[in-house]
Amino acid sequence: LGNMPQTISPTDSPAKPKLLEQVRHVIRRKHFSLRTEQA
């Protein structure tokens, strides 16, 4: 409507996590230490 941006409905899928967040997830799933995750 005019210059109003289109909104996303709550039923739309959420955005894919960023790369480093995905990497953190893999590391945590493997039960690596926090220091390893940081490195």
PDB file of all heavy atoms in Angstrom:
ATOM      1  N   LEU A   1       0.869  -1.167   0.000  1.00  0.00           N
ATOM      2  CA  LEU A   1       0.000   0.000   0.000  1.00  0.00           C
ATOM      3  C   LEU A   1       0.909   1.220   0.000  1.00  0.00           C
ATOM      4  O   LEU A   1       1.592   1.492   0.980  1.00  0.00           O
ATOM      5  CB  LEU A   1      -0.908   0.025   1.231  1.00  0.00           C
ATOM      6  CG  LEU A   1      -1.895  -1.124   1.354  1.00  0.00           C
ATOM      7  CD1 LEU A   1      -2.610  -1.046   2.679  1.00  0.00           C
ATOM      8  CD2 LEU A   1      -2.903  -1.068   0.222  1.00  0.00           C
ATOM      9  N   GLY A   2       0.973   1.911  -1.078  1.00  0.00           N
ATOM     10  CA  GLY A   2       1.852   3.071  -1.154  1.00  0.00           C
ATOM     11  C   GLY A   2       3.302   2.658  -1.000  1.00  0.00           C
ATOM     12  O   GLY A   2       3.783   1.768  -1.670  1.00  0.00           O
ATOM     13  N   ASN A   3       4.010   3.264  -0.051  1.00  0.00           N
ATOM     14  CA  ASN A   3       5.413   2.970   0.195  1.00  0.00           C
ATOM     15  C   ASN A   3       5.621   2.037   1.375  1.00  0.00           C
ATOM     16  O   ASN A   3       6.737   1.852   1.838  1.00  0.00           O
ATOM     17  CB  ASN A   3       6.195   4.262   0.428  1.00  0.00           C
ATOM     18  CG  ASN A   3       6.316   5.076  -0.846  1.00  0.00           C
ATOM     19  OD1 ASN A   3       6.289   4.512  -1.936  1.00  0.00           O
ATOM     20  ND2 ASN A   3       6.450   6.377  -0.705  1.00  0.00           N
ATOM     21  N   MET A   4       4.553   1.453   1.910  1.00  0.00           N
ATOM     22  CA  MET A   4       4.676   0.566   3.062  1.00  0.00           C
ATOM     23  C   MET A   4       5.265  -0.771   2.618  1.00  0.00           C
ATOM     24  O   MET A   4       4.805  -1.355   1.640  1.00  0.00           O
ATOM     25  CB  MET A   4       3.315   0.329   3.724  1.00  0.00           C
ATOM     26  CG  MET A   4       2.763   1.544   4.424  1.00  0.00           C
ATOM     27  SD  MET A   4       1.175   1.217   5.198  1.00  0.00           S
ATOM     28  CE  MET A   4       1.555  -0.112   6.271  1.00  0.00           C
ATOM     29  N   PRO A   5       6.291  -1.265   3.330  1.00  0.00           N
ATOM     30  CA  PRO A   5       6.857  -2.567   2.956  1.00  0.00           C
ATOM     31  C   PRO A   5       5.896  -3.697   3.284  1.00  0.00           C
ATOM     32  O   PRO A   5       5.090  -3.600   4.204  1.00  0.00           O
ATOM     33  CB  PRO A   5       8.117  -2.652   3.813  1.00  0.00           C
ATOM     34  CG  PRO A   5       7.860  -1.743   4.964  1.00  0.00           C
ATOM     35  CD  PRO A   5       6.948  -0.660   4.456  1.00  0.00           C
ATOM     36  N   GLN A   6       5.989  -4.754   2.511  1.00  0.00           N
ATOM     37  CA  GLN A   6       5.159  -5.923   2.743  1.00  0.00           C
ATOM     38  C   GLN A   6       5.660  -6.620   4.002  1.00  0.00           C
ATOM     39  O   GLN A   6       6.864  -6.758   4.212  1.00  0.00           O
ATOM     40  CB  GLN A   6       5.260  -6.866   1.547  1.00  0.00           C
ATOM     41  CG  GLN A   6       4.315  -8.021   1.611  1.00  0.00           C
ATOM     42  CD  GLN A   6       4.372  -8.828   0.316  1.00  0.00           C
ATOM     43  OE1 GLN A   6       5.161  -8.533  -0.569  1.00  0.00           O
ATOM     44  NE2 GLN A   6       3.536  -9.821   0.226  1.00  0.00           N
ATOM     45  N   THR A   7       4.758  -7.059   4.860  1.00  0.00           N
ATOM     46  CA  THR A   7       5.155  -7.729   6.089  1.00  0.00           C
ATOM     47  C   THR A   7       5.145  -9.240   5.902  1.00  0.00           C
ATOM     48  O   THR A   7       4.470  -9.759   5.026  1.00  0.00           O
ATOM     49  CB  THR A   7       4.219  -7.359   7.260  1.00  0.00           C
ATOM     50  OG1 THR A   7       2.897  -7.754   6.891  1.00  0.00           O
ATOM     51  CG2 THR A   7       4.267  -5.875   7.560  1.00  0.00           C
ATOM     52  N   ILE A   8       5.898  -9.913   6.743  1.00  0.00           N
ATOM     53  CA  ILE A   8       5.964 -11.371   6.701  1.00  0.00           C
ATOM     54  C   ILE A   8       5.000 -11.916   7.735  1.00  0.00           C
ATOM     55  O   ILE A   8       4.990 -11.480   8.880  1.00  0.00           O
ATOM     56  CB  ILE A   8       7.394 -11.852   7.003  1.00  0.00           C
ATOM     57  CG1 ILE A   8       8.355 -11.309   5.944  1.00  0.00           C
ATOM     58  CG2 ILE A   8       7.454 -13.359   7.083  1.00  0.00           C
ATOM     59  CD1 ILE A   8       9.806 -11.567   6.237  1.00  0.00           C
ATOM     60  N   SER A   9       4.201 -12.862   7.342  1.00  0.00           N
ATOM     61  CA  SER A   9       3.240 -13.424   8.280  1.00  0.00           C
ATOM     62  C   SER A   9       3.941 -14.387   9.226  1.00  0.00           C
ATOM     63  O   SER A   9       4.992 -14.944   8.908  1.00  0.00           O
ATOM     64  CB  SER A   9       2.128 -14.146   7.526  1.00  0.00           C
ATOM     65  OG  SER A   9       2.635 -15.328   6.965  1.00  0.00           O
ATOM     66  N   PRO A  10       3.391 -14.616  10.424  1.00  0.00           N
ATOM     67  CA  PRO A  10       4.005 -15.518  11.391  1.00  0.00           C
ATOM     68  C   PRO A  10       4.106 -16.960  10.891  1.00  0.00           C
ATOM     69  O   PRO A  10       4.901 -17.730  11.406  1.00  0.00           O
ATOM     70  CB  PRO A  10       3.082 -15.448  12.606  1.00  0.00           C
ATOM     71  CG  PRO A  10       2.184 -14.297  12.373  1.00  0.00           C
ATOM     72  CD  PRO A  10       2.208 -13.978  10.921  1.00  0.00           C
ATOM     73  N   THR A  11       3.357 -17.315   9.878  1.00  0.00           N
ATOM     74  CA  THR A  11       3.406 -18.684   9.363  1.00  0.00           C
ATOM     75  C   THR A  11       4.569 -18.910   8.408  1.00  0.00           C
ATOM     76  O   THR A  11       4.901 -20.043   8.107  1.00  0.00           O
ATOM     77  CB  THR A  11       2.088 -19.042   8.642  1.00  0.00           C
ATOM     78  OG1 THR A  11       1.872 -18.103   7.599  1.00  0.00           O
ATOM     79  CG2 THR A  11       0.930 -19.041   9.614  1.00  0.00           C
ATOM     80  N   ASP A  12       5.186 -17.819   7.917  1.00  0.00           N
ATOM     81  CA  ASP A  12       6.349 -17.965   7.030  1.00  0.00           C
ATOM     82  C   ASP A  12       7.504 -18.546   7.830  1.00  0.00           C
ATOM     83  O   ASP A  12       7.649 -18.312   9.021  1.00  0.00           O
ATOM     84  CB  ASP A  12       6.755 -16.617   6.439  1.00  0.00           C
ATOM     85  CG  ASP A  12       5.766 -16.105   5.422  1.00  0.00           C
ATOM     86  OD1 ASP A  12       4.892 -16.885   4.979  1.00  0.00           O
ATOM     87  OD2 ASP A  12       5.854 -14.923   5.070  1.00  0.00           O
ATOM     88  N   SER A  13       8.376 -19.298   7.141  1.00  0.00           N
ATOM     89  CA  SER A  13       9.501 -19.925   7.837  1.00  0.00           C
ATOM     90  C   SER A  13      10.508 -18.861   8.264  1.00  0.00           C
ATOM     91  O   SER A  13      10.723 -17.883   7.561  1.00  0.00           O
ATOM     92  CB  SER A  13      10.174 -20.954   6.932  1.00  0.00           C
ATOM     93  OG  SER A  13      10.680 -20.324   5.782  1.00  0.00           O
ATOM     94  N   PRO A  14      11.144 -19.061   9.421  1.00  0.00           N
ATOM     95  CA  PRO A  14      12.126 -18.093   9.891  1.00  0.00           C
ATOM     96  C   PRO A  14      13.381 -18.142   9.017  1.00  0.00           C
ATOM     97  O   PRO A  14      13.641 -19.127   8.330  1.00  0.00           O
ATOM     98  CB  PRO A  14      12.436 -18.561  11.314  1.00  0.00           C
ATOM     99  CG  PRO A  14      12.061 -20.003  11.337  1.00  0.00           C
ATOM    100  CD  PRO A  14      10.955 -20.155  10.329  1.00  0.00           C
ATOM    101  N   ALA A  15      14.146 -17.065   9.072  1.00  0.00           N
ATOM    102  CA  ALA A  15      15.379 -16.994   8.280  1.00  0.00           C
ATOM    103  C   ALA A  15      16.371 -18.038   8.763  1.00  0.00           C
ATOM    104  O   ALA A  15      16.420 -18.378   9.945  1.00  0.00           O
ATOM    105  CB  ALA A  15      15.976 -15.599   8.404  1.00  0.00           C
ATOM    106  N   LYS A  16      17.158 -18.553   7.835  1.00  0.00           N
ATOM    107  CA  LYS A  16      18.185 -19.532   8.155  1.00  0.00           C
ATOM    108  C   LYS A  16      19.259 -18.855   9.004  1.00  0.00           C
ATOM    109  O   LYS A  16      19.659 -17.734   8.706  1.00  0.00           O
ATOM    110  CB  LYS A  16      18.788 -20.063   6.848  1.00  0.00           C
ATOM    111  CG  LYS A  16      19.726 -21.215   7.028  1.00  0.00           C
ATOM    112  CD  LYS A  16      20.160 -21.744   5.679  1.00  0.00           C
ATOM    113  CE  LYS A  16      21.089 -22.906   5.844  1.00  0.00           C
ATOM    114  NZ  LYS A  16      21.538 -23.415   4.546  1.00  0.00           N
ATOM    115  N   PRO A  17      19.741 -19.521  10.067  1.00  0.00           N
ATOM    116  CA  PRO A  17      20.777 -18.902  10.899  1.00  0.00           C
ATOM    117  C   PRO A  17      22.033 -18.611  10.080  1.00  0.00           C
ATOM    118  O   PRO A  17      22.325 -19.284   9.093  1.00  0.00           O
ATOM    119  CB  PRO A  17      21.076 -19.968  11.958  1.00  0.00           C
ATOM    120  CG  PRO A  17      19.947 -20.921  11.898  1.00  0.00           C
ATOM    121  CD  PRO A  17      19.360 -20.829  10.528  1.00  0.00           C
ATOM    122  N   LYS A  18      22.767 -17.608  10.513  1.00  0.00           N
ATOM    123  CA  LYS A  18      24.003 -17.244   9.826  1.00  0.00           C
ATOM    124  C   LYS A  18      25.025 -18.362   9.975  1.00  0.00           C
ATOM    125  O   LYS A  18      24.924 -19.214  10.849  1.00  0.00           O
ATOM    126  CB  LYS A  18      24.537 -15.934  10.385  1.00  0.00           C
ATOM    127  CG  LYS A  18      23.627 -14.774  10.057  1.00  0.00           C
ATOM    128  CD  LYS A  18      24.268 -13.468  10.367  1.00  0.00           C
ATOM    129  CE  LYS A  18      23.333 -12.359   9.928  1.00  0.00           C
ATOM    130  NZ  LYS A  18      24.011 -11.113   9.751  1.00  0.00           N
ATOM    131  N   LEU A  19      26.034 -18.317   9.114  1.00  0.00           N
ATOM    132  CA  LEU A  19      27.026 -19.375   9.035  1.00  0.00           C
ATOM    133  C   LEU A  19      27.661 -19.704  10.384  1.00  0.00           C
ATOM    134  O   LEU A  19      27.685 -20.864  10.790  1.00  0.00           O
ATOM    135  CB  LEU A  19      28.116 -19.005   8.028  1.00  0.00           C
ATOM    136  CG  LEU A  19      29.283 -19.988   7.975  1.00  0.00           C
ATOM    137  CD1 LEU A  19      28.838 -21.300   7.340  1.00  0.00           C
ATOM    138  CD2 LEU A  19      30.456 -19.398   7.228  1.00  0.00           C
ATOM    139  N   LEU A  20      28.176 -18.713  11.088  1.00  0.00           N
ATOM    140  CA  LEU A  20      28.877 -19.001  12.345  1.00  0.00           C
ATOM    141  C   LEU A  20      27.927 -19.578  13.400  1.00  0.00           C
ATOM    142  O   LEU A  20      28.331 -20.397  14.216  1.00  0.00           O
ATOM    143  CB  LEU A  20      29.602 -17.761  12.860  1.00  0.00           C
ATOM    144  CG  LEU A  20      30.797 -17.329  12.009  1.00  0.00           C
ATOM    145  CD1 LEU A  20      31.449 -16.086  12.603  1.00  0.00           C
ATOM    146  CD2 LEU A  20      31.812 -18.439  11.864  1.00  0.00           C
ATOM    147  N   GLU A  21      26.674 -19.177  13.363  1.00  0.00           N
ATOM    148  CA  GLU A  21      25.697 -19.759  14.289  1.00  0.00           C
ATOM    149  C   GLU A  21      25.446 -21.222  13.937  1.00  0.00           C
ATOM    150  O   GLU A  21      25.303 -22.074  14.816  1.00  0.00           O
ATOM    151  CB  GLU A  21      24.394 -18.962  14.264  1.00  0.00           C
ATOM    152  CG  GLU A  21      23.463 -19.299  15.397  1.00  0.00           C
ATOM    153  CD  GLU A  21      24.096 -19.140  16.776  1.00  0.00           C
ATOM    154  OE1 GLU A  21      24.802 -18.158  17.032  1.00  0.00           O
ATOM    155  OE2 GLU A  21      23.879 -20.046  17.619  1.00  0.00           O
ATOM    156  N   GLN A  22      25.410 -21.543  12.658  1.00  0.00           N
ATOM    157  CA  GLN A  22      25.255 -22.930  12.234  1.00  0.00           C
ATOM    158  C   GLN A  22      26.457 -23.765  12.664  1.00  0.00           C
ATOM    159  O   GLN A  22      26.307 -24.901  13.113  1.00  0.00           O
ATOM    160  CB  GLN A  22      25.091 -23.004  10.719  1.00  0.00           C
ATOM    161  CG  GLN A  22      23.805 -22.391  10.209  1.00  0.00           C
ATOM    162  CD  GLN A  22      23.745 -22.398   8.700  1.00  0.00           C
ATOM    163  OE1 GLN A  22      24.246 -23.311   8.062  1.00  0.00           O
ATOM    164  NE2 GLN A  22      23.134 -21.380   8.119  1.00  0.00           N
ATOM    165  N   VAL A  23      27.648 -23.187  12.542  1.00  0.00           N
ATOM    166  CA  VAL A  23      28.872 -23.874  12.963  1.00  0.00           C
ATOM    167  C   VAL A  23      28.834 -24.122  14.470  1.00  0.00           C
ATOM    168  O   VAL A  23      29.153 -25.216  14.934  1.00  0.00           O
ATOM    169  CB  VAL A  23      30.127 -23.068  12.567  1.00  0.00           C
ATOM    170  CG1 VAL A  23      31.377 -23.631  13.219  1.00  0.00           C
ATOM    171  CG2 VAL A  23      30.278 -23.038  11.059  1.00  0.00           C
ATOM    172  N   ARG A  24      28.434 -23.119  15.230  1.00  0.00           N
ATOM    173  CA  ARG A  24      28.321 -23.294  16.687  1.00  0.00           C
ATOM    174  C   ARG A  24      27.370 -24.443  17.029  1.00  0.00           C
ATOM    175  O   ARG A  24      27.623 -25.224  17.939  1.00  0.00           O
ATOM    176  CB  ARG A  24      27.847 -21.995  17.336  1.00  0.00           C
ATOM    177  CG  ARG A  24      28.893 -20.935  17.420  1.00  0.00           C
ATOM    178  CD  ARG A  24      28.382 -19.698  18.177  1.00  0.00           C
ATOM    179  NE  ARG A  24      29.332 -18.631  18.073  1.00  0.00           N
ATOM    180  CZ  ARG A  24      29.252 -17.632  17.178  1.00  0.00           C
ATOM    181  NH1 ARG A  24      28.232 -17.567  16.335  1.00  0.00           N
ATOM    182  NH2 ARG A  24      30.168 -16.696  17.134  1.00  0.00           N
ATOM    183  N   HIS A  25      26.281 -24.537  16.279  1.00  0.00           N
ATOM    184  CA  HIS A  25      25.312 -25.607  16.523  1.00  0.00           C
ATOM    185  C   HIS A  25      25.957 -26.977  16.305  1.00  0.00           C
ATOM    186  O   HIS A  25      25.771 -27.896  17.110  1.00  0.00           O
ATOM    187  CB  HIS A  25      24.092 -25.421  15.619  1.00  0.00           C
ATOM    188  CG  HIS A  25      23.067 -26.482  15.765  1.00  0.00           C
ATOM    189  ND1 HIS A  25      22.258 -26.588  16.879  1.00  0.00           N
ATOM    190  CD2 HIS A  25      22.733 -27.520  14.961  1.00  0.00           C
ATOM    191  CE1 HIS A  25      21.470 -27.639  16.742  1.00  0.00           C
ATOM    192  NE2 HIS A  25      21.735 -28.224  15.591  1.00  0.00           N
ATOM    193  N   VAL A  26      26.705 -27.125  15.216  1.00  0.00           N
ATOM    194  CA  VAL A  26      27.391 -28.392  14.929  1.00  0.00           C
ATOM    195  C   VAL A  26      28.385 -28.715  16.041  1.00  0.00           C
ATOM    196  O   VAL A  26      28.447 -29.846  16.531  1.00  0.00           O
ATOM    197  CB  VAL A  26      28.112 -28.342  13.559  1.00  0.00           C
ATOM    198  CG1 VAL A  26      29.016 -29.545  13.367  1.00  0.00           C
ATOM    199  CG2 VAL A  26      27.095 -28.251  12.435  1.00  0.00           C
ATOM    200  N   ILE A  27      29.151 -27.730  16.458  1.00  0.00           N
ATOM    201  CA  ILE A  27      30.162 -27.933  17.501  1.00  0.00           C
ATOM    202  C   ILE A  27      29.510 -28.352  18.814  1.00  0.00           C
ATOM    203  O   ILE A  27      29.985 -29.259  19.496  1.00  0.00           O
ATOM    204  CB  ILE A  27      31.014 -26.661  17.669  1.00  0.00           C
ATOM    205  CG1 ILE A  27      31.897 -26.463  16.432  1.00  0.00           C
ATOM    206  CG2 ILE A  27      31.864 -26.716  18.934  1.00  0.00           C
ATOM    207  CD1 ILE A  27      32.603 -25.131  16.373  1.00  0.00           C
ATOM    208  N   ARG A  28      28.419 -27.701  19.163  1.00  0.00           N
ATOM    209  CA  ARG A  28      27.723 -28.051  20.415  1.00  0.00           C
ATOM    210  C   ARG A  28      27.104 -29.438  20.331  1.00  0.00           C
ATOM    211  O   ARG A  28      27.082 -30.172  21.312  1.00  0.00           O
ATOM    212  CB  ARG A  28      26.675 -26.987  20.726  1.00  0.00           C
ATOM    213  CG  ARG A  28      27.312 -25.685  21.137  1.00  0.00           C
ATOM    214  CD  ARG A  28      26.329 -24.571  21.307  1.00  0.00           C
ATOM    215  NE  ARG A  28      27.053 -23.325  21.528  1.00  0.00           N
ATOM    216  CZ  ARG A  28      26.497 -22.141  21.495  1.00  0.00           C
ATOM    217  NH1 ARG A  28      25.202 -22.015  21.252  1.00  0.00           N
ATOM    218  NH2 ARG A  28      27.225 -21.056  21.696  1.00  0.00           N
ATOM    219  N   ARG A  29      26.594 -29.790  19.147  1.00  0.00           N
ATOM    220  CA  ARG A  29      26.020 -31.127  18.971  1.00  0.00           C
ATOM    221  C   ARG A  29      27.088 -32.199  19.165  1.00  0.00           C
ATOM    222  O   ARG A  29      26.809 -33.293  19.635  1.00  0.00           O
ATOM    223  CB  ARG A  29      25.386 -31.231  17.578  1.00  0.00           C
ATOM    224  CG  ARG A  29      24.557 -32.488  17.393  1.00  0.00           C
ATOM    225  CD  ARG A  29      23.877 -32.546  16.036  1.00  0.00           C
ATOM    226  NE  ARG A  29      24.859 -32.665  14.975  1.00  0.00           N
ATOM    227  CZ  ARG A  29      24.906 -31.893  13.892  1.00  0.00           C
ATOM    228  NH1 ARG A  29      24.020 -30.943  13.716  1.00  0.00           N
ATOM    229  NH2 ARG A  29      25.837 -32.066  12.977  1.00  0.00           N
ATOM    230  N   LYS A  30      28.329 -31.866  18.810  1.00  0.00           N
ATOM    231  CA  LYS A  30      29.438 -32.811  18.975  1.00  0.00           C
ATOM    232  C   LYS A  30      30.056 -32.744  20.375  1.00  0.00           C
ATOM    233  O   LYS A  30      31.016 -33.455  20.647  1.00  0.00           O
ATOM    234  CB  LYS A  30      30.523 -32.520  17.934  1.00  0.00           C
ATOM    235  CG  LYS A  30      30.093 -32.839  16.530  1.00  0.00           C
ATOM    236  CD  LYS A  30      31.229 -32.581  15.579  1.00  0.00           C
ATOM    237  CE  LYS A  30      30.884 -33.132  14.218  1.00  0.00           C
ATOM    238  NZ  LYS A  30      32.050 -33.385  13.419  1.00  0.00           N
ATOM    239  N   HIS A  31      29.533 -31.865  21.219  1.00  0.00           N
ATOM    240  CA  HIS A  31      29.985 -31.725  22.608  1.00  0.00           C
ATOM    241  C   HIS A  31      31.437 -31.272  22.716  1.00  0.00           C
ATOM    242  O   HIS A  31      32.170 -31.708  23.599  1.00  0.00           O
ATOM    243  CB  HIS A  31      29.758 -33.017  23.398  1.00  0.00           C
ATOM    244  CG  HIS A  31      28.346 -33.481  23.372  1.00  0.00           C
ATOM    245  ND1 HIS A  31      27.331 -32.843  24.049  1.00  0.00           N
ATOM    246  CD2 HIS A  31      27.759 -34.503  22.693  1.00  0.00           C
ATOM    247  CE1 HIS A  31      26.193 -33.448  23.819  1.00  0.00           C
ATOM    248  NE2 HIS A  31      26.416 -34.465  22.994  1.00  0.00           N
ATOM    249  N   PHE A  32      31.871 -30.394  21.795  1.00  0.00           N
ATOM    250  CA  PHE A  32      33.203 -29.822  21.892  1.00  0.00           C
ATOM    251  C   PHE A  32      33.200 -28.773  22.999  1.00  0.00           C
ATOM    252  O   PHE A  32      32.152 -28.255  23.376  1.00  0.00           O
ATOM    253  CB  PHE A  32      33.614 -29.165  20.573  1.00  0.00           C
ATOM    254  CG  PHE A  32      33.913 -30.123  19.444  1.00  0.00           C
ATOM    255  CD1 PHE A  32      34.259 -29.638  18.206  1.00  0.00           C
ATOM    256  CD2 PHE A  32      33.847 -31.495  19.608  1.00  0.00           C
ATOM    257  CE1 PHE A  32      34.550 -30.494  17.151  1.00  0.00           C
ATOM    258  CE2 PHE A  32      34.128 -32.362  18.562  1.00  0.00           C
ATOM    259  CZ  PHE A  32      34.483 -31.855  17.334  1.00  0.00           C
ATOM    260  N   SER A  33      34.374 -28.431  23.480  1.00  0.00           N
ATOM    261  CA  SER A  33      34.474 -27.441  24.554  1.00  0.00           C
ATOM    262  C   SER A  33      34.191 -26.034  24.018  1.00  0.00           C
ATOM    263  O   SER A  33      34.280 -25.774  22.812  1.00  0.00           O
ATOM    264  CB  SER A  33      35.873 -27.464  25.179  1.00  0.00           C
ATOM    265  OG  SER A  33      36.815 -26.890  24.296  1.00  0.00           O
ATOM    266  N   LEU A  34      33.891 -25.130  24.939  1.00  0.00           N
ATOM    267  CA  LEU A  34      33.637 -23.744  24.578  1.00  0.00           C
ATOM    268  C   LEU A  34      34.879 -23.115  23.941  1.00  0.00           C
ATOM    269  O   LEU A  34      34.786 -22.360  22.984  1.00  0.00           O
ATOM    270  CB  LEU A  34      33.203 -22.940  25.799  1.00  0.00           C
ATOM    271  CG  LEU A  34      32.906 -21.466  25.571  1.00  0.00           C
ATOM    272  CD1 LEU A  34      31.795 -21.282  24.548  1.00  0.00           C
ATOM    273  CD2 LEU A  34      32.545 -20.787  26.874  1.00  0.00           C
ATOM    274  N   ARG A  35      36.063 -23.448  24.458  1.00  0.00           N
ATOM    275  CA  ARG A  35      37.317 -22.917  23.896  1.00  0.00           C
ATOM    276  C   ARG A  35      37.511 -23.406  22.451  1.00  0.00           C
ATOM    277  O   ARG A  35      37.968 -22.653  21.607  1.00  0.00           O
ATOM    278  CB  ARG A  35      38.515 -23.332  24.758  1.00  0.00           C
ATOM    279  CG  ARG A  35      38.496 -22.762  26.155  1.00  0.00           C
ATOM    280  CD  ARG A  35      38.837 -21.311  26.202  1.00  0.00           C
ATOM    281  NE  ARG A  35      40.243 -21.139  25.840  1.00  0.00           N
ATOM    282  CZ  ARG A  35      40.725 -20.048  25.312  1.00  0.00           C
ATOM    283  NH1 ARG A  35      39.959 -19.014  25.085  1.00  0.00           N
ATOM    284  NH2 ARG A  35      41.996 -19.950  24.998  1.00  0.00           N
ATOM    285  N   THR A  36      37.153 -24.641  22.179  1.00  0.00           N
ATOM    286  CA  THR A  36      37.255 -25.157  20.809  1.00  0.00           C
ATOM    287  C   THR A  36      36.286 -24.412  19.901  1.00  0.00           C
ATOM    288  O   THR A  36      36.641 -24.017  18.792  1.00  0.00           O
ATOM    289  CB  THR A  36      36.971 -26.672  20.773  1.00  0.00           C
ATOM    290  OG1 THR A  36      37.926 -27.336  21.604  1.00  0.00           O
ATOM    291  CG2 THR A  36      37.034 -27.231  19.368  1.00  0.00           C
ATOM    292  N   GLU A  37      35.075 -24.200  20.393  1.00  0.00           N
ATOM    293  CA  GLU A  37      34.078 -23.440  19.626  1.00  0.00           C
ATOM    294  C   GLU A  37      34.604 -22.055  19.296  1.00  0.00           C
ATOM    295  O   GLU A  37      34.519 -21.602  18.149  1.00  0.00           O
ATOM    296  CB  GLU A  37      32.783 -23.332  20.432  1.00  0.00           C
ATOM    297  CG  GLU A  37      31.709 -22.514  19.763  1.00  0.00           C
ATOM    298  CD  GLU A  37      30.462 -22.387  20.607  1.00  0.00           C
ATOM    299  OE1 GLU A  37      30.083 -23.364  21.290  1.00  0.00           O
ATOM    300  OE2 GLU A  37      29.855 -21.305  20.574  1.00  0.00           O
ATOM    301  N   GLN A  38      35.178 -21.378  20.282  1.00  0.00           N
ATOM    302  CA  GLN A  38      35.710 -20.038  20.058  1.00  0.00           C
ATOM    303  C   GLN A  38      36.864 -20.056  19.055  1.00  0.00           C
ATOM    304  O   GLN A  38      36.941 -19.205  18.171  1.00  0.00           O
ATOM    305  CB  GLN A  38      36.170 -19.432  21.388  1.00  0.00           C
ATOM    306  CG  GLN A  38      35.018 -19.117  22.318  1.00  0.00           C
ATOM    307  CD  GLN A  38      35.473 -18.799  23.732  1.00  0.00           C
ATOM    308  OE1 GLN A  38      36.583 -19.137  24.148  1.00  0.00           O
ATOM    309  NE2 GLN A  38      34.604 -18.147  24.491  1.00  0.00           N
ATOM    310  N   ALA A  39      37.748 -21.033  19.192  1.00  0.00           N
ATOM    311  CA  ALA A  39      38.893 -21.127  18.281  1.00  0.00           C
ATOM    312  C   ALA A  39      38.426 -21.406  16.857  1.00  0.00           C
ATOM    313  O   ALA A  39      38.891 -20.759  15.904  1.00  0.00           O
ATOM    314  CB  ALA A  39      39.848 -22.222  18.750  1.00  0.00           C
TER     315      ALA A  39
END
